[in-house]
Amino acid sequence: MGVCAYATSGLESASNIGMASRSTTPRLSDERIHQIARALADPRRLDLLRRISRGGDTPCESLRCDCPVTAATVSHHMKELESAGLVESTRDGRSVRYTLRRDVLDAYLAAMASI
């Protein structure tokens, strides 16, 4: 799956869609906005995203240690956040690290602010 497949789906840069603004914040499709909203509607996923935003490049192990749920449940939540494009995962051997996709979060917040 990976973030590369996501990068071309549901996300367009402002310069590619003919906007007069020179903003580097990408524009999200309505479908992508809906997917992000669903991902953030779960309190545990919102908490995980907050912790990743504070920790920068965050190892999955540290996310599991802080949650009173199984590793499989944390993994499921992280897959939802990654599918929505909010986080990017990087493998290092058997370990996985997560990084916030600030550009996607900013684009989502901008879309919500424009309502």
C-alpha atoms as a PDB file:
ATOM      1  CA  MET A   1       0.000   0.000   0.000  1.00  0.00           C
ATOM      2  CA  GLY A   2       2.374   2.757   1.146  1.00  0.00           C
ATOM      3  CA  VAL A   3       2.109   6.492   1.072  1.00  0.00           C
ATOM      4  CA  CYS A   4       3.320   6.723  -2.533  1.00  0.00           C
ATOM      5  CA  ALA A   5       0.032   5.253  -3.734  1.00  0.00           C
ATOM      6  CA  TYR A   6      -1.800   7.786  -1.584  1.00  0.00           C
ATOM      7  CA  ALA A   7       0.142  10.768  -2.859  1.00  0.00           C
ATOM      8  CA  THR A   8      -1.657  10.766  -6.194  1.00  0.00           C
ATOM      9  CA  SER A   9      -5.107   9.892  -4.870  1.00  0.00           C
ATOM     10  CA  GLY A  10      -7.415  12.548  -3.441  1.00  0.00           C
ATOM     11  CA  LEU A  11      -4.717  15.158  -2.967  1.00  0.00           C
ATOM     12  CA  GLU A  12      -3.801  17.928  -5.394  1.00  0.00           C
ATOM     13  CA  SER A  13      -1.363  20.771  -4.945  1.00  0.00           C
ATOM     14  CA  ALA A  14      -2.799  24.253  -5.219  1.00  0.00           C
ATOM     15  CA  SER A  15      -0.642  24.972  -8.270  1.00  0.00           C
ATOM     16  CA  ASN A  16      -1.997  21.924 -10.101  1.00  0.00           C
ATOM     17  CA  ILE A  17      -5.627  22.951  -9.761  1.00  0.00           C
ATOM     18  CA  GLY A  18      -5.305  26.497 -11.031  1.00  0.00           C
ATOM     19  CA  MET A  19      -5.810  28.326  -7.749  1.00  0.00           C
ATOM     20  CA  ALA A  20      -4.696  31.942  -7.762  1.00  0.00           C
ATOM     21  CA  SER A  21      -3.143  31.513  -4.320  1.00  0.00           C
ATOM     22  CA  ARG A  22       0.511  30.534  -4.059  1.00  0.00           C
ATOM     23  CA  SER A  23      -0.273  28.297  -1.118  1.00  0.00           C
ATOM     24  CA  THR A  24       1.680  25.066  -0.792  1.00  0.00           C
ATOM     25  CA  THR A  25      -1.148  23.495   1.182  1.00  0.00           C
ATOM     26  CA  PRO A  26      -2.620  20.715  -0.936  1.00  0.00           C
ATOM     27  CA  ARG A  27      -6.318  20.625  -1.741  1.00  0.00           C
ATOM     28  CA  LEU A  28      -8.178  17.501  -0.666  1.00  0.00           C
ATOM     29  CA  SER A  29     -11.001  15.828  -2.550  1.00  0.00           C
ATOM     30  CA  ASP A  30     -14.363  15.529  -0.789  1.00  0.00           C
ATOM     31  CA  GLU A  31     -13.789  11.783  -0.541  1.00  0.00           C
ATOM     32  CA  ARG A  32     -10.414  12.311   1.176  1.00  0.00           C
ATOM     33  CA  ILE A  33     -11.966  14.851   3.584  1.00  0.00           C
ATOM     34  CA  HIS A  34     -14.622  12.297   4.491  1.00  0.00           C
ATOM     35  CA  GLN A  35     -11.978   9.583   5.021  1.00  0.00           C
ATOM     36  CA  ILE A  36      -9.938  11.843   7.311  1.00  0.00           C
ATOM     37  CA  ALA A  37     -13.040  12.849   9.276  1.00  0.00           C
ATOM     38  CA  ARG A  38     -13.904   9.175   9.817  1.00  0.00           C
ATOM     39  CA  ALA A  39     -10.350   8.426  10.940  1.00  0.00           C
ATOM     40  CA  LEU A  40     -10.339  11.314  13.411  1.00  0.00           C
ATOM     41  CA  ALA A  41     -13.804  10.511  14.764  1.00  0.00           C
ATOM     42  CA  ASP A  42     -12.359   7.709  16.878  1.00  0.00           C
ATOM     43  CA  PRO A  43     -10.990   9.108  20.166  1.00  0.00           C
ATOM     44  CA  ARG A  44      -8.141   6.577  20.308  1.00  0.00           C
ATOM     45  CA  ARG A  45      -6.949   7.463  16.789  1.00  0.00           C
ATOM     46  CA  LEU A  46      -7.111  11.159  17.620  1.00  0.00           C
ATOM     47  CA  ASP A  47      -4.991  10.488  20.714  1.00  0.00           C
ATOM     48  CA  LEU A  48      -2.477   8.453  18.687  1.00  0.00           C
ATOM     49  CA  LEU A  49      -2.219  11.257  16.122  1.00  0.00           C
ATOM     50  CA  ARG A  50      -1.614  13.804  18.891  1.00  0.00           C
ATOM     51  CA  ARG A  51       1.163  11.679  20.357  1.00  0.00           C
ATOM     52  CA  ILE A  52       2.806  11.254  16.953  1.00  0.00           C
ATOM     53  CA  SER A  53       2.624  15.008  16.336  1.00  0.00           C
ATOM     54  CA  ARG A  54       4.445  15.673  19.614  1.00  0.00           C
ATOM     55  CA  GLY A  55       7.037  12.938  19.155  1.00  0.00           C
ATOM     56  CA  GLY A  56       8.039  13.502  15.540  1.00  0.00           C
ATOM     57  CA  ASP A  57       9.309  10.190  14.164  1.00  0.00           C
ATOM     58  CA  THR A  58       7.503   7.855  16.606  1.00  0.00           C
ATOM     59  CA  PRO A  59       8.243   4.133  16.971  1.00  0.00           C
ATOM     60  CA  CYS A  60       5.171   1.925  17.003  1.00  0.00           C
ATOM     61  CA  GLU A  61       6.437   0.232  20.161  1.00  0.00           C
ATOM     62  CA  SER A  62       6.105   3.469  22.124  1.00  0.00           C
ATOM     63  CA  LEU A  63       2.527   3.891  20.901  1.00  0.00           C
ATOM     64  CA  ARG A  64       1.701   0.367  22.049  1.00  0.00           C
ATOM     65  CA  CYS A  65       3.252   0.890  25.482  1.00  0.00           C
ATOM     66  CA  ASP A  66       1.033   3.871  26.224  1.00  0.00           C
ATOM     67  CA  CYS A  67      -2.265   2.288  25.145  1.00  0.00           C
ATOM     68  CA  PRO A  68      -4.359  -0.053  27.296  1.00  0.00           C
ATOM     69  CA  VAL A  69      -5.253  -2.103  24.189  1.00  0.00           C
ATOM     70  CA  THR A  70      -3.682  -4.962  22.273  1.00  0.00           C
ATOM     71  CA  ALA A  71      -0.932  -4.500  19.716  1.00  0.00           C
ATOM     72  CA  ALA A  72      -3.394  -5.639  17.031  1.00  0.00           C
ATOM     73  CA  THR A  73      -5.804  -2.851  17.972  1.00  0.00           C
ATOM     74  CA  VAL A  74      -3.063  -0.218  17.825  1.00  0.00           C
ATOM     75  CA  SER A  75      -2.000  -1.622  14.459  1.00  0.00           C
ATOM     76  CA  HIS A  76      -5.582  -1.356  13.170  1.00  0.00           C
ATOM     77  CA  HIS A  77      -5.835   2.277  14.287  1.00  0.00           C
ATOM     78  CA  MET A  78      -2.501   3.112  12.680  1.00  0.00           C
ATOM     79  CA  LYS A  79      -3.604   1.538   9.388  1.00  0.00           C
ATOM     80  CA  GLU A  80      -6.712   3.752   9.441  1.00  0.00           C
ATOM     81  CA  LEU A  81      -4.616   6.872  10.032  1.00  0.00           C
ATOM     82  CA  GLU A  82      -2.207   5.852   7.274  1.00  0.00           C
ATOM     83  CA  SER A  83      -5.036   5.064   4.838  1.00  0.00           C
ATOM     84  CA  ALA A  84      -6.462   8.524   5.489  1.00  0.00           C
ATOM     85  CA  GLY A  85      -3.028   9.954   4.666  1.00  0.00           C
ATOM     86  CA  LEU A  86      -2.503  11.499   8.090  1.00  0.00           C
ATOM     87  CA  VAL A  87       0.626   9.518   8.934  1.00  0.00           C
ATOM     88  CA  GLU A  88       3.476   7.992   6.987  1.00  0.00           C
ATOM     89  CA  SER A  89       5.127   4.768   8.090  1.00  0.00           C
ATOM     90  CA  THR A  90       8.766   3.824   7.689  1.00  0.00           C
ATOM     91  CA  ARG A  91      10.064   0.305   8.209  1.00  0.00           C
ATOM     92  CA  ASP A  92      13.424  -0.327   9.822  1.00  0.00           C
ATOM     93  CA  GLY A  93      13.826  -4.088   9.979  1.00  0.00           C
ATOM     94  CA  ARG A  94      10.988  -5.371  12.155  1.00  0.00           C
ATOM     95  CA  SER A  95      10.291  -1.951  13.616  1.00  0.00           C
ATOM     96  CA  VAL A  96       7.836   0.612  12.199  1.00  0.00           C
ATOM     97  CA  ARG A  97       8.022   4.357  12.812  1.00  0.00           C
ATOM     98  CA  TYR A  98       5.234   6.856  12.168  1.00  0.00           C
ATOM     99  CA  THR A  99       5.450  10.505  11.162  1.00  0.00           C
ATOM    100  CA  LEU A 100       2.619  13.026  10.968  1.00  0.00           C
ATOM    101  CA  ARG A 101       1.793  14.239   7.447  1.00  0.00           C
ATOM    102  CA  ARG A 102       1.450  17.886   8.489  1.00  0.00           C
ATOM    103  CA  ASP A 103       0.588  18.959   4.922  1.00  0.00           C
ATOM    104  CA  VAL A 104      -2.439  16.652   4.853  1.00  0.00           C
ATOM    105  CA  LEU A 105      -3.602  17.694   8.325  1.00  0.00           C
ATOM    106  CA  ASP A 106      -3.220  21.371   7.373  1.00  0.00           C
ATOM    107  CA  ALA A 107      -5.196  20.793   4.160  1.00  0.00           C
ATOM    108  CA  TYR A 108      -7.967  19.086   6.134  1.00  0.00           C
ATOM    109  CA  LEU A 109      -8.102  21.922   8.659  1.00  0.00           C
ATOM    110  CA  ALA A 110      -8.201  24.469   5.828  1.00  0.00           C
ATOM    111  CA  ALA A 111     -11.084  22.585   4.199  1.00  0.00           C
ATOM    112  CA  MET A 112     -13.002  22.585   7.487  1.00  0.00           C
ATOM    113  CA  ALA A 113     -12.290  26.287   8.046  1.00  0.00           C
ATOM    114  CA  SER A 114     -13.733  27.132   4.635  1.00  0.00           C
ATOM    115  CA  ILE A 115     -17.169  25.731   5.490  1.00  0.00           C
END
